Amino acid sequence: MENRLLFITYLAAWVAYLLLIYGTSWYKRMPFAVTSLSHVIPSSVALAMGYIFLVRGGATVAQFVAGSASGMDLWSLWFHLWPLFLLLSIGSGIVHLSWGVAACLSARNRKWLMVASAGFIMSVFAFFTVAANFPDA
């Protein structure tokens, strides 16, 4: 993995993000279902990349794992997930930005501003983390 430091930083931020949004939801008595939906994409990126690169020891460069069938399978998995995660991260960022603007404009929904803002920041962070780990042949 070429950008391990960025990825480890993303994982640490992701854990803090989960604690922040669930703590805010508990403190303000907001529905946990909506809070859970807000972190689906950043969590999917963190869990998938954690499995591929930390648990299984995958690489972003195919030549690093050319002699291993399981290594090539992991590289192929990342090769196919990479564009999907980029698009989903962009979509999640747009949704969270729209949600944050709507929360700013409505006094009744202002309590969701922290969750929407944190979701936007994590979606952008997920996009850059995925983009920095381009699957190279």
Protein backbone atom coordinates (compact mmCIF):
# COMPACT_ATOMS: atom_id res chain seq x y z
CA MET A 1 0.00 0.00 0.00
CA GLU A 2 1.55 3.24 -1.14
CA ASN A 3 -0.21 5.73 1.14
CA ARG A 4 -0.38 3.82 4.40
CA LEU A 5 -0.02 6.94 6.58
CA LEU A 6 -3.00 8.60 4.89
CA PHE A 7 -5.04 5.43 5.30
CA ILE A 8 -4.15 5.00 8.99
CA THR A 9 -5.05 8.66 9.55
CA TYR A 10 -8.36 8.03 7.79
CA LEU A 11 -9.09 5.06 10.06
CA ALA A 12 -8.32 7.09 13.19
CA ALA A 13 -10.53 9.95 11.94
CA TRP A 14 -13.27 7.46 11.07
CA VAL A 15 -13.35 6.09 14.65
CA ALA A 16 -13.47 9.63 16.06
CA TYR A 17 -16.19 10.48 13.53
CA LEU A 18 -18.36 7.56 14.65
CA LEU A 19 -17.95 8.52 18.29
CA LEU A 20 -18.80 12.13 17.49
CA ILE A 21 -21.96 11.49 15.49
CA TYR A 22 -23.34 8.82 17.80
CA GLY A 23 -22.50 10.92 20.85
CA THR A 24 -24.24 13.91 19.30
CA SER A 25 -27.25 11.79 18.37
CA TRP A 26 -27.49 10.37 21.87
CA TYR A 27 -27.05 13.78 23.53
CA LYS A 28 -29.64 15.51 21.34
CA ARG A 29 -31.96 12.47 21.28
CA MET A 30 -31.94 12.16 17.50
CA PRO A 31 -32.92 8.94 15.70
CA PHE A 32 -30.02 6.53 15.41
CA ALA A 33 -31.36 5.18 12.10
CA VAL A 34 -30.68 8.47 10.31
CA THR A 35 -27.30 8.76 12.00
CA SER A 36 -26.45 5.23 10.89
CA LEU A 37 -27.40 6.02 7.29
CA SER A 38 -25.16 9.07 7.32
CA HIS A 39 -21.97 7.04 7.75
CA VAL A 40 -22.63 4.15 5.37
CA ILE A 41 -20.19 5.28 2.64
CA PRO A 42 -17.29 6.44 4.87
CA SER A 43 -17.66 3.24 6.90
CA SER A 44 -17.76 1.06 3.80
CA VAL A 45 -14.55 2.64 2.56
CA ALA A 46 -12.85 2.20 5.95
CA LEU A 47 -13.95 -1.41 6.38
CA ALA A 48 -13.18 -2.52 2.83
CA MET A 49 -9.77 -0.87 2.75
CA GLY A 50 -9.01 -2.17 6.24
CA TYR A 51 -9.84 -5.70 5.16
CA ILE A 52 -7.93 -5.55 1.88
CA PHE A 53 -4.82 -3.72 3.05
CA LEU A 54 -4.47 -4.33 6.79
CA VAL A 55 -6.07 -7.71 7.42
CA ARG A 56 -5.18 -9.46 4.16
CA GLY A 57 -2.02 -7.50 3.31
CA GLY A 58 -3.06 -6.43 -0.19
CA ALA A 59 -1.11 -4.01 -2.35
CA THR A 60 -2.09 -1.24 -4.73
CA VAL A 61 0.59 -2.19 -7.26
CA ALA A 62 0.02 -5.44 -9.15
CA GLN A 63 3.75 -6.21 -9.53
CA PHE A 64 4.16 -6.37 -5.75
CA VAL A 65 1.81 -9.37 -5.61
CA ALA A 66 2.41 -10.91 -9.04
CA GLY A 67 3.71 -14.20 -7.62
CA SER A 68 0.72 -14.74 -5.31
CA ALA A 69 -2.73 -15.84 -6.46
CA SER A 70 -4.41 -14.49 -3.33
CA GLY A 71 -2.48 -11.24 -3.65
CA MET A 72 -3.64 -10.84 -7.24
CA ASP A 73 -7.21 -11.58 -6.15
CA LEU A 74 -6.99 -8.79 -3.56
CA TRP A 75 -5.48 -6.41 -6.12
CA SER A 76 -8.28 -7.29 -8.56
CA LEU A 77 -10.88 -6.70 -5.85
CA TRP A 78 -9.39 -3.28 -5.12
CA PHE A 79 -9.17 -2.55 -8.87
CA HIS A 80 -12.93 -3.15 -9.18
CA LEU A 81 -13.93 -1.37 -5.94
CA TRP A 82 -11.78 1.72 -6.52
CA PRO A 83 -14.00 3.54 -9.09
CA LEU A 84 -17.14 2.58 -7.17
CA PHE A 85 -15.77 4.04 -3.93
CA LEU A 86 -14.72 7.23 -5.73
CA LEU A 87 -18.22 7.74 -7.15
CA LEU A 88 -19.96 6.83 -3.90
CA SER A 89 -17.73 9.21 -1.93
CA ILE A 90 -18.55 12.05 -4.32
CA GLY A 91 -22.27 11.26 -4.07
CA SER A 92 -22.10 11.04 -0.30
CA GLY A 93 -20.33 14.39 -0.14
CA ILE A 94 -23.01 16.03 -2.29
CA VAL A 95 -25.80 14.53 -0.18
CA HIS A 96 -24.16 15.62 3.08
CA LEU A 97 -23.49 19.12 1.75
CA SER A 98 -27.13 19.46 0.66
CA TRP A 99 -28.28 18.10 4.01
CA GLY A 100 -26.05 20.59 5.85
CA VAL A 101 -27.39 23.53 3.82
CA ALA A 102 -30.95 22.39 4.50
CA ALA A 103 -30.16 22.08 8.22
CA CYS A 104 -28.78 25.64 8.23
CA LEU A 105 -31.90 27.03 6.58
CA SER A 106 -34.42 25.32 8.86
CA ALA A 107 -34.41 25.98 12.59
CA ARG A 108 -36.26 22.71 13.20
CA ASN A 109 -33.51 20.65 11.52
CA ARG A 110 -30.53 22.59 12.85
CA LYS A 111 -29.77 19.78 15.29
CA TRP A 112 -28.59 17.70 12.30
CA LEU A 113 -25.91 20.21 11.28
CA MET A 114 -23.11 18.47 13.22
CA VAL A 115 -23.92 15.06 11.71
CA ALA A 116 -24.21 16.47 8.19
CA SER A 117 -20.99 18.49 8.48
CA ALA A 118 -19.01 15.59 9.87
CA GLY A 119 -20.42 13.33 7.14
CA PHE A 120 -19.35 15.81 4.47
CA ILE A 121 -15.83 16.05 5.87
CA MET A 122 -15.50 12.27 6.10
CA SER A 123 -16.87 11.81 2.56
CA VAL A 124 -14.25 14.21 1.21
CA PHE A 125 -11.56 12.48 3.29
CA ALA A 126 -12.74 9.09 1.98
CA PHE A 127 -12.56 10.37 -1.59
CA PHE A 128 -8.96 11.55 -1.18
CA THR A 129 -7.93 8.38 0.65
CA VAL A 130 -9.35 6.18 -2.10
CA ALA A 131 -7.93 8.39 -4.87
CA ALA A 132 -4.46 8.33 -3.30
CA ASN A 133 -4.46 4.53 -3.37
CA PHE A 134 -4.94 4.14 -7.11
CA PRO A 135 -4.64 0.47 -8.20
CA ASP A 136 -1.57 0.56 -10.41
CA ALA A 137 -0.63 -2.21 -12.79
